[in-house]
Amino acid sequence: MNDIDAFGDDWVLSGKAQSTFQTYRQILNKAPFQLPGNLREAKRWLSERRTEIAPATIVVYVRALRAFSAWWAEEYRKEDPLKDLEFPKVPVAAPGAIVDDDVIETLRDSLTVGGSNMGPTMQRDLAILEMFVHTGMRRSELVALDVDDVDFQAARITIKPSKNGEGRIIPIHSALRVPLRRYIRLEREYHRHTEEPALFLGRDGRLRADSITRMFKRVSERAGLDHVVGTHEFRRRFADQWISGGGADDHLMVIAGWKSAAMPARYRAANSKDRALAQYDKILDPGKATPGDKSPVSRPRSAKPTPRRIVRRGAPLPVSNG
């Protein structure tokens, strides 16, 4: 076994994500010097790569090199040759698209307007949508959930260790309880793979991450949206709502499963102008009520806004048992 494979085994056994190691493996295999190399070799290689790849990607290269070098130093009881390898300065990027309330309402309607005629996975798909809306969890975390991870009595969901190697416990939002229970009672209990431990089931057992992507493509097209809603849009929305509501960054890190304070800082900076204007109205002009004003918090389910950013595409698409 070579050192990279041994590093990978120890990485996964320590509870860290297999997907992260696969990314690191690809980077380490490209190194033009014998790993772990030395500081001069690493800096020269990274300097050459900066003309070909984005600065943010160079950060991942540095992480891969430093992680392997630290493992190598411990494995062979030597000094870490790359302990002083610095991360490049990267401009703080905006966090990306955030799904808005109108689009969420449109997705809900596309799943419920037709009732039982919407297909055999209607309750499951609606429960998945509400999970993303009210928890902000990652797609990989959702598909890893087991039935036993959901405690309705305590109103808590246990999320297994994933991207950062740590698990966490999050609340079950009051608006999530009903769709989740209905899915378990009306669909999951009668699924052919009901004996599987997985919470969300597909044709072959545990629902896969790519099935979630196909589900949102199907539902977005049926709803007539002009783009396919990505699951990470809900995570960004969750963070933005938390910050807009005055939630503390350290508490958001606990709920969202972030280890770096840089993540909530990105979201706090992204929409700071809008939040400043809303805060002005709240504090200095509380009587102001302008038609079209929108709260950062989702409007009640009974509200039926006119969907925005929608292009109708003809007849509804058929539902597949994804």
Foldseek 3Di string as FASTA:
>chain_A
DDLLVVLLVVCVVLQAANVLSVVLVVLVVPQPDPPLDAQVSLVVVLVVCVVPDPLVVSQSSLVSSQSSLVVVCVVVVHDRRCPVPDRDDDPQDAPDAADDQLLLLLLLCLLPVVPPQQDLCSLVLNLVSVCLQPQLEDLVQQLPFFPVQQDVVVQKGWTGQHNGSHIAIDGNDPVNVVSLVCCCPPHLVPDPQNVARTSRAFPVGRDDSVNNQVSQVQSCLLSQAPDRDDSNSSNLLVLLLCVLVPHDLVVNCRSHVHPDSVVSVSSCVNCVVVSVVVVCCVPPNVVDDDPPDDDSDRDDSVDNDDRPNGHHDDHGDHDDRD
